[in-house]
Amino acid sequence: QVRLVESGGGFVQTGGSLRLSCAASGRILSLNDMGWYRQAPGKQRELVAFITSGYVTNYAESVKGRFTISRDVPKNTVHLQMNSLEPEDTAVYYCNVKGATYYSGDNIVADGENHWGQGTQVTVSS
């Protein structure tokens, strides 16, 4: 009922920049927190940044000062501007929505679940 599609991943050299975008679709009434997670090979998925519906942001220590998360509430989109990229940033990046309200048939569903995108690869070469 909530579909997330990421875009903007790719290959970049150390010090470069990338901008990730995620669009949520479906019969959505509202989305709670939106964010980005990443998973490097052999490692657990970790939070990169999230932003609430009131535009309050939170970042992992490793990306503070380099990454900026933003969202457009009416358009149900979230973006991650990544600057000064390092090889350690190499991972699959996943868009996440924690909690959504949407139509399911004729019913309104308000869930507190995690919704995930398929992921987009970011590779930073040294």
PDB file of N, CA and C in Angstrom:
ATOM      1  N   GLN A   1       0.808  -1.203   0.000  1.00  0.00           N
ATOM      2  CA  GLN A   1       0.000   0.000   0.000  1.00  0.00           C
ATOM      3  C   GLN A   1       0.847   1.261   0.000  1.00  0.00           C
ATOM      4  N   VAL A   2       2.071   1.148   0.486  1.00  0.00           N
ATOM      5  CA  VAL A   2       3.030   2.244   0.392  1.00  0.00           C
ATOM      6  C   VAL A   2       4.239   1.704  -0.356  1.00  0.00           C
ATOM      7  N   ARG A   3       4.496   2.272  -1.493  1.00  0.00           N
ATOM      8  CA  ARG A   3       5.624   1.831  -2.308  1.00  0.00           C
ATOM      9  C   ARG A   3       6.671   2.926  -2.324  1.00  0.00           C
ATOM     10  N   LEU A   4       7.918   2.521  -2.092  1.00  0.00           N
ATOM     11  CA  LEU A   4       9.034   3.473  -2.063  1.00  0.00           C
ATOM     12  C   LEU A   4       9.986   3.146  -3.196  1.00  0.00           C
ATOM     13  N   VAL A   5      10.346   4.149  -3.959  1.00  0.00           N
ATOM     14  CA  VAL A   5      11.272   3.968  -5.070  1.00  0.00           C
ATOM     15  C   VAL A   5      12.411   4.960  -4.932  1.00  0.00           C
ATOM     16  N   GLU A   6      13.638   4.410  -4.856  1.00  0.00           N
ATOM     17  CA  GLU A   6      14.828   5.252  -4.717  1.00  0.00           C
ATOM     18  C   GLU A   6      15.446   5.522  -6.082  1.00  0.00           C
ATOM     19  N   SER A   7      16.187   6.603  -6.150  1.00  0.00           N
ATOM     20  CA  SER A   7      16.971   6.917  -7.339  1.00  0.00           C
ATOM     21  C   SER A   7      18.168   7.763  -6.927  1.00  0.00           C
ATOM     22  N   GLY A   8      19.164   7.811  -7.813  1.00  0.00           N
ATOM     23  CA  GLY A   8      20.290   8.716  -7.590  1.00  0.00           C
ATOM     24  C   GLY A   8      21.578   8.060  -7.155  1.00  0.00           C
ATOM     25  N   GLY A   9      21.573   6.751  -6.951  1.00  0.00           N
ATOM     26  CA  GLY A   9      22.824   6.105  -6.579  1.00  0.00           C
ATOM     27  C   GLY A   9      23.792   6.081  -7.749  1.00  0.00           C
ATOM     28  N   GLY A  10      25.011   5.630  -7.475  1.00  0.00           N
ATOM     29  CA  GLY A  10      25.984   5.551  -8.554  1.00  0.00           C
ATOM     30  C   GLY A  10      27.387   5.405  -8.034  1.00  0.00           C
ATOM     31  N   PHE A  11      28.319   5.706  -8.918  1.00  0.00           N
ATOM     32  CA  PHE A  11      29.750   5.567  -8.640  1.00  0.00           C
ATOM     33  C   PHE A  11      30.358   6.959  -8.605  1.00  0.00           C
ATOM     34  N   VAL A  12      31.170   7.210  -7.579  1.00  0.00           N
ATOM     35  CA  VAL A  12      31.793   8.530  -7.442  1.00  0.00           C
ATOM     36  C   VAL A  12      33.156   8.358  -6.780  1.00  0.00           C
ATOM     37  N   GLN A  13      34.041   9.280  -7.033  1.00  0.00           N
ATOM     38  CA  GLN A  13      35.351   9.242  -6.404  1.00  0.00           C
ATOM     39  C   GLN A  13      35.311   9.897  -5.023  1.00  0.00           C
ATOM     40  N   THR A  14      36.290   9.596  -4.224  1.00  0.00           N
ATOM     41  CA  THR A  14      36.400  10.192  -2.889  1.00  0.00           C
ATOM     42  C   THR A  14      36.339  11.708  -2.994  1.00  0.00           C
ATOM     43  N   GLY A  15      35.507  12.287  -2.114  1.00  0.00           N
ATOM     44  CA  GLY A  15      35.330  13.730  -2.115  1.00  0.00           C
ATOM     45  C   GLY A  15      34.175  14.202  -2.972  1.00  0.00           C
ATOM     46  N   GLY A  16      33.616  13.298  -3.734  1.00  0.00           N
ATOM     47  CA  GLY A  16      32.517  13.661  -4.622  1.00  0.00           C
ATOM     48  C   GLY A  16      31.187  13.730  -3.909  1.00  0.00           C
ATOM     49  N   SER A  17      30.144  14.001  -4.695  1.00  0.00           N
ATOM     50  CA  SER A  17      28.798  14.171  -4.143  1.00  0.00           C
ATOM     51  C   SER A  17      27.793  13.355  -4.935  1.00  0.00           C
ATOM     52  N   LEU A  18      26.746  12.953  -4.241  1.00  0.00           N
ATOM     53  CA  LEU A  18      25.594  12.308  -4.860  1.00  0.00           C
ATOM     54  C   LEU A  18      24.341  12.772  -4.124  1.00  0.00           C
ATOM     55  N   ARG A  19      23.240  12.755  -4.846  1.00  0.00           N
ATOM     56  CA  ARG A  19      21.956  13.094  -4.238  1.00  0.00           C
ATOM     57  C   ARG A  19      20.993  11.939  -4.465  1.00  0.00           C
ATOM     58  N   LEU A  20      20.524  11.368  -3.366  1.00  0.00           N
ATOM     59  CA  LEU A  20      19.552  10.290  -3.438  1.00  0.00           C
ATOM     60  C   LEU A  20      18.145  10.865  -3.266  1.00  0.00           C
ATOM     61  N   SER A  21      17.218  10.275  -3.971  1.00  0.00           N
ATOM     62  CA  SER A  21      15.826  10.671  -3.843  1.00  0.00           C
ATOM     63  C   SER A  21      14.963   9.441  -3.639  1.00  0.00           C
ATOM     64  N   CYS A  22      13.861   9.630  -2.960  1.00  0.00           N
ATOM     65  CA  CYS A  22      12.911   8.543  -2.722  1.00  0.00           C
ATOM     66  C   CYS A  22      11.506   9.105  -2.829  1.00  0.00           C
ATOM     67  N   ALA A  23      10.701   8.452  -3.626  1.00  0.00           N
ATOM     68  CA  ALA A  23       9.315   8.868  -3.794  1.00  0.00           C
ATOM     69  C   ALA A  23       8.400   7.770  -3.270  1.00  0.00           C
ATOM     70  N   ALA A  24       7.468   8.172  -2.435  1.00  0.00           N
ATOM     71  CA  ALA A  24       6.471   7.235  -1.916  1.00  0.00           C
ATOM     72  C   ALA A  24       5.204   7.358  -2.736  1.00  0.00           C
ATOM     73  N   SER A  25       4.633   6.216  -3.084  1.00  0.00           N
ATOM     74  CA  SER A  25       3.396   6.232  -3.853  1.00  0.00           C
ATOM     75  C   SER A  25       2.374   5.294  -3.224  1.00  0.00           C
ATOM     76  N   GLY A  26       1.156   5.450  -3.638  1.00  0.00           N
ATOM     77  CA  GLY A  26       0.045   4.703  -3.062  1.00  0.00           C
ATOM     78  C   GLY A  26      -1.025   5.701  -2.676  1.00  0.00           C
ATOM     79  N   ARG A  27      -2.069   5.213  -2.079  1.00  0.00           N
ATOM     80  CA  ARG A  27      -3.156   6.103  -1.668  1.00  0.00           C
ATOM     81  C   ARG A  27      -2.831   6.616  -0.266  1.00  0.00           C
ATOM     82  N   ILE A  28      -1.829   7.474  -0.232  1.00  0.00           N
ATOM     83  CA  ILE A  28      -1.232   7.920   1.023  1.00  0.00           C
ATOM     84  C   ILE A  28      -1.933   9.159   1.547  1.00  0.00           C
ATOM     85  N   LEU A  29      -2.212   9.124   2.835  1.00  0.00           N
ATOM     86  CA  LEU A  29      -2.747  10.313   3.491  1.00  0.00           C
ATOM     87  C   LEU A  29      -1.637  11.058   4.226  1.00  0.00           C
ATOM     88  N   SER A  30      -0.760  10.339   4.879  1.00  0.00           N
ATOM     89  CA  SER A  30       0.366  10.974   5.557  1.00  0.00           C
ATOM     90  C   SER A  30       1.462   9.951   5.836  1.00  0.00           C
ATOM     91  N   LEU A  31       2.669  10.463   5.954  1.00  0.00           N
ATOM     92  CA  LEU A  31       3.824   9.646   6.310  1.00  0.00           C
ATOM     93  C   LEU A  31       4.455  10.213   7.569  1.00  0.00           C
ATOM     94  N   ASN A  32       4.876   9.379   8.463  1.00  0.00           N
ATOM     95  CA  ASN A  32       5.534   9.853   9.677  1.00  0.00           C
ATOM     96  C   ASN A  32       7.016  10.110   9.378  1.00  0.00           C
ATOM     97  N   ASP A  33       7.897   9.428  10.068  1.00  0.00           N
ATOM     98  CA  ASP A  33       9.314   9.639   9.823  1.00  0.00           C
ATOM     99  C   ASP A  33       9.733   9.037   8.487  1.00  0.00           C
ATOM    100  N   MET A  34      10.567   9.766   7.772  1.00  0.00           N
ATOM    101  CA  MET A  34      11.181   9.255   6.550  1.00  0.00           C
ATOM    102  C   MET A  34      12.692   9.284   6.740  1.00  0.00           C
ATOM    103  N   GLY A  35      13.366   8.313   6.188  1.00  0.00           N
ATOM    104  CA  GLY A  35      14.801   8.292   6.408  1.00  0.00           C
ATOM    105  C   GLY A  35      15.553   7.421   5.442  1.00  0.00           C
ATOM    106  N   TRP A  36      16.839   7.346   5.698  1.00  0.00           N
ATOM    107  CA  TRP A  36      17.744   6.546   4.887  1.00  0.00           C
ATOM    108  C   TRP A  36      18.573   5.644   5.795  1.00  0.00           C
ATOM    109  N   TYR A  37      18.681   4.405   5.384  1.00  0.00           N
ATOM    110  CA  TYR A  37      19.560   3.441   6.014  1.00  0.00           C
ATOM    111  C   TYR A  37      20.551   2.968   4.958  1.00  0.00           C
ATOM    112  N   ARG A  38      21.619   2.341   5.414  1.00  0.00           N
ATOM    113  CA  ARG A  38      22.558   1.755   4.462  1.00  0.00           C
ATOM    114  C   ARG A  38      23.097   0.440   4.995  1.00  0.00           C
ATOM    115  N   GLN A  39      23.511  -0.387   4.051  1.00  0.00           N
ATOM    116  CA  GLN A  39      24.073  -1.679   4.421  1.00  0.00           C
ATOM    117  C   GLN A  39      25.265  -1.967   3.530  1.00  0.00           C
ATOM    118  N   ALA A  40      26.431  -2.049   4.156  1.00  0.00           N
ATOM    119  CA  ALA A  40      27.655  -2.392   3.445  1.00  0.00           C
ATOM    120  C   ALA A  40      27.839  -3.909   3.469  1.00  0.00           C
ATOM    121  N   PRO A  41      28.610  -4.439   2.551  1.00  0.00           N
ATOM    122  CA  PRO A  41      28.814  -5.900   2.520  1.00  0.00           C
ATOM    123  C   PRO A  41      29.341  -6.422   3.849  1.00  0.00           C
ATOM    124  N   GLY A  42      28.703  -7.454   4.362  1.00  0.00           N
ATOM    125  CA  GLY A  42      29.155  -8.076   5.600  1.00  0.00           C
ATOM    126  C   GLY A  42      28.800  -7.315   6.859  1.00  0.00           C
ATOM    127  N   LYS A  43      28.032  -6.232   6.716  1.00  0.00           N
ATOM    128  CA  LYS A  43      27.680  -5.423   7.880  1.00  0.00           C
ATOM    129  C   LYS A  43      26.164  -5.353   8.025  1.00  0.00           C
ATOM    130  N   GLN A  44      25.743  -4.956   9.213  1.00  0.00           N
ATOM    131  CA  GLN A  44      24.322  -4.795   9.455  1.00  0.00           C
ATOM    132  C   GLN A  44      23.820  -3.482   8.867  1.00  0.00           C
ATOM    133  N   ARG A  45      22.544  -3.454   8.582  1.00  0.00           N
ATOM    134  CA  ARG A  45      21.929  -2.219   8.113  1.00  0.00           C
ATOM    135  C   ARG A  45      21.981  -1.188   9.235  1.00  0.00           C
ATOM    136  N   GLU A  46      22.334   0.053   8.877  1.00  0.00           N
ATOM    137  CA  GLU A  46      22.449   1.097   9.883  1.00  0.00           C
ATOM    138  C   GLU A  46      21.718   2.354   9.440  1.00  0.00           C
ATOM    139  N   LEU A  47      21.263   3.100  10.427  1.00  0.00           N
ATOM    140  CA  LEU A  47      20.586   4.353  10.153  1.00  0.00           C
ATOM    141  C   LEU A  47      21.595   5.388   9.674  1.00  0.00           C
ATOM    142  N   VAL A  48      21.245   6.102   8.619  1.00  0.00           N
ATOM    143  CA  VAL A  48      22.067   7.208   8.135  1.00  0.00           C
ATOM    144  C   VAL A  48      21.471   8.530   8.615  1.00  0.00           C
ATOM    145  N   ALA A  49      20.187   8.713   8.362  1.00  0.00           N
ATOM    146  CA  ALA A  49      19.526   9.950   8.759  1.00  0.00           C
ATOM    147  C   ALA A  49      18.022   9.746   8.666  1.00  0.00           C
ATOM    148  N   PHE A  50      17.291  10.507   9.484  1.00  0.00           N
ATOM    149  CA  PHE A  50      15.843  10.522   9.327  1.00  0.00           C
ATOM    150  C   PHE A  50      15.323  11.924   9.569  1.00  0.00           C
ATOM    151  N   ILE A  51      14.099  12.142   9.099  1.00  0.00           N
ATOM    152  CA  ILE A  51      13.458  13.438   9.231  1.00  0.00           C
ATOM    153  C   ILE A  51      11.990  13.198   9.543  1.00  0.00           C
ATOM    154  N   THR A  52      11.497  13.914  10.531  1.00  0.00           N
ATOM    155  CA  THR A  52      10.109  13.730  10.927  1.00  0.00           C
ATOM    156  C   THR A  52       9.176  14.544  10.023  1.00  0.00           C
ATOM    157  N   SER A  53       7.900  14.348  10.200  1.00  0.00           N
ATOM    158  CA  SER A  53       6.931  15.122   9.422  1.00  0.00           C
ATOM    159  C   SER A  53       6.971  16.596   9.813  1.00  0.00           C
ATOM    160  N   GLY A  54       7.553  16.890  10.969  1.00  0.00           N
ATOM    161  CA  GLY A  54       7.749  18.273  11.390  1.00  0.00           C
ATOM    162  C   GLY A  54       9.123  18.808  11.047  1.00  0.00           C
ATOM    163  N   TYR A  55       9.838  18.072  10.202  1.00  0.00           N
ATOM    164  CA  TYR A  55      11.138  18.481   9.662  1.00  0.00           C
ATOM    165  C   TYR A  55      12.259  18.480  10.694  1.00  0.00           C
ATOM    166  N   VAL A  56      12.100  17.739  11.771  1.00  0.00           N
ATOM    167  CA  VAL A  56      13.194  17.540  12.711  1.00  0.00           C
ATOM    168  C   VAL A  56      14.099  16.449  12.149  1.00  0.00           C
ATOM    169  N   THR A  57      15.395  16.688  12.169  1.00  0.00           N
ATOM    170  CA  THR A  57      16.346  15.756  11.562  1.00  0.00           C
ATOM    171  C   THR A  57      17.254  15.112  12.608  1.00  0.00           C
ATOM    172  N   ASN A  58      17.781  13.958  12.224  1.00  0.00           N
ATOM    173  CA  ASN A  58      18.729  13.244  13.071  1.00  0.00           C
ATOM    174  C   ASN A  58      19.692  12.516  12.155  1.00  0.00           C
ATOM    175  N   TYR A  59      20.995  12.555  12.492  1.00  0.00           N
ATOM    176  CA  TYR A  59      22.026  11.961  11.638  1.00  0.00           C
ATOM    177  C   TYR A  59      22.920  11.006  12.426  1.00  0.00           C
ATOM    178  N   ALA A  60      23.412  10.004  11.730  1.00  0.00           N
ATOM    179  CA  ALA A  60      24.473   9.187  12.300  1.00  0.00           C
ATOM    180  C   ALA A  60      25.719  10.049  12.466  1.00  0.00           C
ATOM    181  N   GLU A  61      26.498   9.776  13.488  1.00  0.00           N
ATOM    182  CA  GLU A  61      27.696  10.578  13.743  1.00  0.00           C
ATOM    183  C   GLU A  61      28.638  10.571  12.546  1.00  0.00           C
ATOM    184  N   SER A  62      28.706   9.448  11.866  1.00  0.00           N
ATOM    185  CA  SER A  62      29.670   9.306  10.772  1.00  0.00           C
ATOM    186  C   SER A  62      29.349  10.177   9.561  1.00  0.00           C
ATOM    187  N   VAL A  63      28.129  10.701   9.479  1.00  0.00           N
ATOM    188  CA  VAL A  63      27.761  11.498   8.303  1.00  0.00           C
ATOM    189  C   VAL A  63      27.444  12.949   8.650  1.00  0.00           C
ATOM    190  N   LYS A  64      27.451  13.289   9.920  1.00  0.00           N
ATOM    191  CA  LYS A  64      27.151  14.661  10.316  1.00  0.00           C
ATOM    192  C   LYS A  64      28.117  15.630   9.651  1.00  0.00           C
ATOM    193  N   GLY A  65      27.549  16.713   9.136  1.00  0.00           N
ATOM    194  CA  GLY A  65      28.364  17.723   8.475  1.00  0.00           C
ATOM    195  C   GLY A  65      28.629  17.428   7.013  1.00  0.00           C
ATOM    196  N   ARG A  66      28.328  16.211   6.573  1.00  0.00           N
ATOM    197  CA  ARG A  66      28.563  15.844   5.164  1.00  0.00           C
ATOM    198  C   ARG A  66      27.256  15.554   4.426  1.00  0.00           C
ATOM    199  N   PHE A  67      26.294  14.982   5.114  1.00  0.00           N
ATOM    200  CA  PHE A  67      25.018  14.599   4.507  1.00  0.00           C
ATOM    201  C   PHE A  67      23.917  15.518   5.007  1.00  0.00           C
ATOM    202  N   THR A  68      22.952  15.773   4.140  1.00  0.00           N
ATOM    203  CA  THR A  68      21.789  16.572   4.507  1.00  0.00           C
ATOM    204  C   THR A  68      20.532  15.872   4.021  1.00  0.00           C
ATOM    205  N   ILE A  69      19.606  15.656   4.934  1.00  0.00           N
ATOM    206  CA  ILE A  69      18.339  15.037   4.577  1.00  0.00           C
ATOM    207  C   ILE A  69      17.271  16.113   4.489  1.00  0.00           C
ATOM    208  N   SER A  70      16.378  15.954   3.528  1.00  0.00           N
ATOM    209  CA  SER A  70      15.275  16.895   3.367  1.00  0.00           C
ATOM    210  C   SER A  70      14.055  16.132   2.853  1.00  0.00           C
ATOM    211  N   ARG A  71      12.892  16.741   3.020  1.00  0.00           N
ATOM    212  CA  ARG A  71      11.689  16.087   2.516  1.00  0.00           C
ATOM    213  C   ARG A  71      10.688  17.125   2.052  1.00  0.00           C
ATOM    214  N   ASP A  72       9.817  16.690   1.187  1.00  0.00           N
ATOM    215  CA  ASP A  72       8.697  17.495   0.735  1.00  0.00           C
ATOM    216  C   ASP A  72       7.445  16.749   1.181  1.00  0.00           C
ATOM    217  N   VAL A  73       6.832  17.231   2.239  1.00  0.00           N
ATOM    218  CA  VAL A  73       5.707  16.504   2.823  1.00  0.00           C
ATOM    219  C   VAL A  73       4.547  16.364   1.834  1.00  0.00           C
ATOM    220  N   PRO A  74       4.117  17.428   1.152  1.00  0.00           N
ATOM    221  CA  PRO A  74       2.990  17.255   0.224  1.00  0.00           C
ATOM    222  C   PRO A  74       3.289  16.293  -0.931  1.00  0.00           C
ATOM    223  N   LYS A  75       4.556  16.205  -1.339  1.00  0.00           N
ATOM    224  CA  LYS A  75       4.920  15.353  -2.472  1.00  0.00           C
ATOM    225  C   LYS A  75       5.355  13.959  -2.034  1.00  0.00           C
ATOM    226  N   ASN A  76       5.422  13.724  -0.726  1.00  0.00           N
ATOM    227  CA  ASN A  76       5.827  12.406  -0.193  1.00  0.00           C
ATOM    228  C   ASN A  76       7.187  11.973  -0.720  1.00  0.00           C
ATOM    229  N   THR A  77       8.125  12.900  -0.723  1.00  0.00           N
ATOM    230  CA  THR A  77       9.474  12.584  -1.166  1.00  0.00           C
ATOM    231  C   THR A  77      10.484  12.910  -0.068  1.00  0.00           C
ATOM    232  N   VAL A  78      11.601  12.226  -0.117  1.00  0.00           N
ATOM    233  CA  VAL A  78      12.706  12.490   0.797  1.00  0.00           C
ATOM    234  C   VAL A  78      13.995  12.405  -0.007  1.00  0.00           C
ATOM    235  N   HIS A  79      14.937  13.265   0.355  1.00  0.00           N
ATOM    236  CA  HIS A  79      16.193  13.339  -0.368  1.00  0.00           C
ATOM    237  C   HIS A  79      17.362  13.261   0.603  1.00  0.00           C
ATOM    238  N   LEU A  80      18.492  12.798   0.081  1.00  0.00           N
ATOM    239  CA  LEU A  80      19.708  12.761   0.880  1.00  0.00           C
ATOM    240  C   LEU A  80      20.834  13.327   0.027  1.00  0.00           C
ATOM    241  N   GLN A  81      21.288  14.512   0.382  1.00  0.00           N
ATOM    242  CA  GLN A  81      22.426  15.116  -0.292  1.00  0.00           C
ATOM    243  C   GLN A  81      23.684  14.651   0.417  1.00  0.00           C
ATOM    244  N   MET A  82      24.554  13.989  -0.326  1.00  0.00           N
ATOM    245  CA  MET A  82      25.762  13.418   0.257  1.00  0.00           C
ATOM    246  C   MET A  82      26.978  14.099  -0.348  1.00  0.00           C
ATOM    247  N   ASN A  83      27.713  14.800   0.483  1.00  0.00           N
ATOM    248  CA  ASN A  83      28.926  15.497   0.056  1.00  0.00           C
ATOM    249  C   ASN A  83      30.147  14.890   0.734  1.00  0.00           C
ATOM    250  N   SER A  84      31.308  15.214   0.204  1.00  0.00           N
ATOM    251  CA  SER A  84      32.581  14.729   0.772  1.00  0.00           C
ATOM    252  C   SER A  84      32.534  13.227   1.010  1.00  0.00           C
ATOM    253  N   LEU A  85      32.099  12.510   0.004  1.00  0.00           N
ATOM    254  CA  LEU A  85      31.929  11.063   0.149  1.00  0.00           C
ATOM    255  C   LEU A  85      33.270  10.369   0.344  1.00  0.00           C
ATOM    256  N   GLU A  86      33.224   9.317   1.145  1.00  0.00           N
ATOM    257  CA  GLU A  86      34.405   8.532   1.489  1.00  0.00           C
ATOM    258  C   GLU A  86      34.157   7.073   1.109  1.00  0.00           C
ATOM    259  N   PRO A  87      35.226   6.310   0.900  1.00  0.00           N
ATOM    260  CA  PRO A  87      35.029   4.883   0.577  1.00  0.00           C
ATOM    261  C   PRO A  87      34.171   4.162   1.615  1.00  0.00           C
ATOM    262  N   GLU A  88      34.243   4.601   2.858  1.00  0.00           N
ATOM    263  CA  GLU A  88      33.447   3.978   3.922  1.00  0.00           C
ATOM    264  C   GLU A  88      31.951   4.215   3.755  1.00  0.00           C
ATOM    265  N   ASP A  89      31.572   5.115   2.884  1.00  0.00           N
ATOM    266  CA  ASP A  89      30.154   5.360   2.602  1.00  0.00           C
ATOM    267  C   ASP A  89      29.591   4.376   1.577  1.00  0.00           C
ATOM    268  N   THR A  90      30.452   3.562   1.001  1.00  0.00           N
ATOM    269  CA  THR A  90      29.998   2.584   0.016  1.00  0.00           C
ATOM    270  C   THR A  90      29.026   1.604   0.659  1.00  0.00           C
ATOM    271  N   ALA A  91      27.838   1.495   0.060  1.00  0.00           N
ATOM    272  CA  ALA A  91      26.796   0.629   0.619  1.00  0.00           C
ATOM    273  C   ALA A  91      25.580   0.678  -0.296  1.00  0.00           C
ATOM    274  N   VAL A  92      24.636  -0.195  -0.001  1.00  0.00           N
ATOM    275  CA  VAL A  92      23.302  -0.063  -0.581  1.00  0.00           C
ATOM    276  C   VAL A  92      22.497   0.823   0.358  1.00  0.00           C
ATOM    277  N   TYR A  93      21.905   1.863  -0.195  1.00  0.00           N
ATOM    278  CA  TYR A  93      21.133   2.808   0.589  1.00  0.00           C
ATOM    279  C   TYR A  93      19.648   2.526   0.400  1.00  0.00           C
ATOM    280  N   TYR A  94      18.948   2.445   1.529  1.00  0.00           N
ATOM    281  CA  TYR A  94      17.526   2.106   1.529  1.00  0.00           C
ATOM    282  C   TYR A  94      16.699   3.265   2.061  1.00  0.00           C
ATOM    283  N   CYS A  95      15.665   3.581   1.349  1.00  0.00           N
ATOM    284  CA  CYS A  95      14.688   4.548   1.825  1.00  0.00           C
ATOM    285  C   CYS A  95      13.757   3.858   2.824  1.00  0.00           C
ATOM    286  N   ASN A  96      13.383   4.584   3.847  1.00  0.00           N
ATOM    287  CA  ASN A  96      12.532   4.021   4.903  1.00  0.00           C
ATOM    288  C   ASN A  96      11.448   5.006   5.303  1.00  0.00           C
ATOM    289  N   VAL A  97      10.276   4.487   5.514  1.00  0.00           N
ATOM    290  CA  VAL A  97       9.184   5.240   6.130  1.00  0.00           C
ATOM    291  C   VAL A  97       8.756   4.459   7.364  1.00  0.00           C
ATOM    292  N   LYS A  98       8.735   5.142   8.487  1.00  0.00           N
ATOM    293  CA  LYS A  98       8.275   4.509   9.716  1.00  0.00           C
ATOM    294  C   LYS A  98       6.925   5.099  10.086  1.00  0.00           C
ATOM    295  N   GLY A  99       5.893   4.376   9.751  1.00  0.00           N
ATOM    296  CA  GLY A  99       4.552   4.825  10.060  1.00  0.00           C
ATOM    297  C   GLY A  99       3.910   5.566   8.911  1.00  0.00           C
ATOM    298  N   ALA A 100       2.763   5.081   8.501  1.00  0.00           N
ATOM    299  CA  ALA A 100       2.059   5.711   7.395  1.00  0.00           C
ATOM    300  C   ALA A 100       0.561   5.563   7.591  1.00  0.00           C
ATOM    301  N   THR A 101      -0.176   6.503   7.019  1.00  0.00           N
ATOM    302  CA  THR A 101      -1.641   6.434   6.989  1.00  0.00           C
ATOM    303  C   THR A 101      -2.065   6.448   5.541  1.00  0.00           C
ATOM    304  N   TYR A 102      -2.878   5.460   5.161  1.00  0.00           N
ATOM    305  CA  TYR A 102      -3.209   5.309   3.750  1.00  0.00           C
ATOM    306  C   TYR A 102      -4.524   4.566   3.611  1.00  0.00           C
ATOM    307  N   TYR A 103      -5.088   4.668   2.398  1.00  0.00           N
ATOM    308  CA  TYR A 103      -6.283   3.916   2.087  1.00  0.00           C
ATOM    309  C   TYR A 103      -5.900   2.484   1.687  1.00  0.00           C
ATOM    310  N   SER A 104      -6.634   1.551   2.222  1.00  0.00           N
ATOM    311  CA  SER A 104      -6.568   0.159   1.785  1.00  0.00           C
ATOM    312  C   SER A 104      -7.992  -0.243   1.449  1.00  0.00           C
ATOM    313  N   GLY A 105      -8.292  -0.249   0.176  1.00  0.00           N
ATOM    314  CA  GLY A 105      -9.690  -0.411  -0.208  1.00  0.00           C
ATOM    315  C   GLY A 105     -10.462   0.816   0.239  1.00  0.00           C
ATOM    316  N   ASP A 106     -11.555   0.587   0.951  1.00  0.00           N
ATOM    317  CA  ASP A 106     -12.340   1.714   1.469  1.00  0.00           C
ATOM    318  C   ASP A 106     -11.944   2.083   2.891  1.00  0.00           C
ATOM    319  N   ASN A 107     -10.950   1.367   3.424  1.00  0.00           N
ATOM    320  CA  ASN A 107     -10.563   1.586   4.816  1.00  0.00           C
ATOM    321  C   ASN A 107      -9.334   2.483   4.913  1.00  0.00           C
ATOM    322  N   ILE A 108      -9.242   3.205   6.000  1.00  0.00           N
ATOM    323  CA  ILE A 108      -8.047   3.994   6.301  1.00  0.00           C
ATOM    324  C   ILE A 108      -7.219   3.212   7.299  1.00  0.00           C
ATOM    325  N   VAL A 109      -5.966   2.997   6.935  1.00  0.00           N
ATOM    326  CA  VAL A 109      -5.038   2.247   7.785  1.00  0.00           C
ATOM    327  C   VAL A 109      -3.975   3.205   8.312  1.00  0.00           C
ATOM    328  N   ALA A 110      -3.768   3.173   9.606  1.00  0.00           N
ATOM    329  CA  ALA A 110      -2.681   3.947  10.218  1.00  0.00           C
ATOM    330  C   ALA A 110      -1.740   2.935  10.866  1.00  0.00           C
ATOM    331  N   ASP A 111      -0.575   2.740  10.275  1.00  0.00           N
ATOM    332  CA  ASP A 111       0.342   1.739  10.828  1.00  0.00           C
ATOM    333  C   ASP A 111       1.605   2.387  11.352  1.00  0.00           C
ATOM    334  N   GLY A 112       2.293   1.666  12.186  1.00  0.00           N
ATOM    335  CA  GLY A 112       3.580   2.113  12.715  1.00  0.00           C
ATOM    336  C   GLY A 112       4.705   1.269  12.175  1.00  0.00           C
ATOM    337  N   GLU A 113       4.463   0.662  11.034  1.00  0.00           N
ATOM    338  CA  GLU A 113       5.419  -0.277  10.467  1.00  0.00           C
ATOM    339  C   GLU A 113       6.533   0.421   9.702  1.00  0.00           C
ATOM    340  N   ASN A 114       7.586  -0.336   9.469  1.00  0.00           N
ATOM    341  CA  ASN A 114       8.668   0.116   8.595  1.00  0.00           C
ATOM    342  C   ASN A 114       8.357  -0.285   7.163  1.00  0.00           C
ATOM    343  N   HIS A 115       8.401   0.690   6.283  1.00  0.00           N
ATOM    344  CA  HIS A 115       8.240   0.449   4.854  1.00  0.00           C
ATOM    345  C   HIS A 115       9.605   0.705   4.208  1.00  0.00           C
ATOM    346  N   TRP A 116       9.981  -0.176   3.284  1.00  0.00           N
ATOM    347  CA  TRP A 116      11.326  -0.097   2.704  1.00  0.00           C
ATOM    348  C   TRP A 116      11.287  -0.025   1.186  1.00  0.00           C
ATOM    349  N   GLY A 117      12.255   0.694   0.646  1.00  0.00           N
ATOM    350  CA  GLY A 117      12.479   0.652  -0.783  1.00  0.00           C
ATOM    351  C   GLY A 117      13.388  -0.509  -1.130  1.00  0.00           C
ATOM    352  N   GLN A 118      13.664  -0.660  -2.419  1.00  0.00           N
ATOM    353  CA  GLN A 118      14.483  -1.772  -2.880  1.00  0.00           C
ATOM    354  C   GLN A 118      15.974  -1.508  -2.705  1.00  0.00           C
ATOM    355  N   GLY A 119      16.342  -0.281  -2.528  1.00  0.00           N
ATOM    356  CA  GLY A 119      17.747   0.051  -2.330  1.00  0.00           C
ATOM    357  C   GLY A 119      18.414   0.567  -3.586  1.00  0.00           C
ATOM    358  N   THR A 120      19.411   1.407  -3.386  1.00  0.00           N
ATOM    359  CA  THR A 120      20.206   1.917  -4.494  1.00  0.00           C
ATOM    360  C   THR A 120      21.682   1.882  -4.090  1.00  0.00           C
ATOM    361  N   GLN A 121      22.508   1.422  -5.008  1.00  0.00           N
ATOM    362  CA  GLN A 121      23.929   1.231  -4.700  1.00  0.00           C
ATOM    363  C   GLN A 121      24.685   2.549  -4.794  1.00  0.00           C
ATOM    364  N   VAL A 122      25.488   2.797  -3.780  1.00  0.00           N
ATOM    365  CA  VAL A 122      26.422   3.924  -3.792  1.00  0.00           C
ATOM    366  C   VAL A 122      27.827   3.351  -3.632  1.00  0.00           C
ATOM    367  N   THR A 123      28.696   3.667  -4.574  1.00  0.00           N
ATOM    368  CA  THR A 123      30.069   3.178  -4.531  1.00  0.00           C
ATOM    369  C   THR A 123      31.014   4.361  -4.602  1.00  0.00           C
ATOM    370  N   VAL A 124      31.903   4.455  -3.623  1.00  0.00           N
ATOM    371  CA  VAL A 124      32.873   5.545  -3.563  1.00  0.00           C
ATOM    372  C   VAL A 124      34.262   4.935  -3.704  1.00  0.00           C
ATOM    373  N   SER A 125      34.972   5.350  -4.730  1.00  0.00           N
ATOM    374  CA  SER A 125      36.297   4.799  -4.967  1.00  0.00           C
ATOM    375  C   SER A 125      37.357   5.646  -4.285  1.00  0.00           C
ATOM    376  N   SER A 126      38.427   5.008  -3.889  1.00  0.00           N
ATOM    377  CA  SER A 126      39.511   5.728  -3.201  1.00  0.00           C
ATOM    378  C   SER A 126      40.532   6.239  -4.197  1.00  0.00           C
TER     379      SER A 126
END
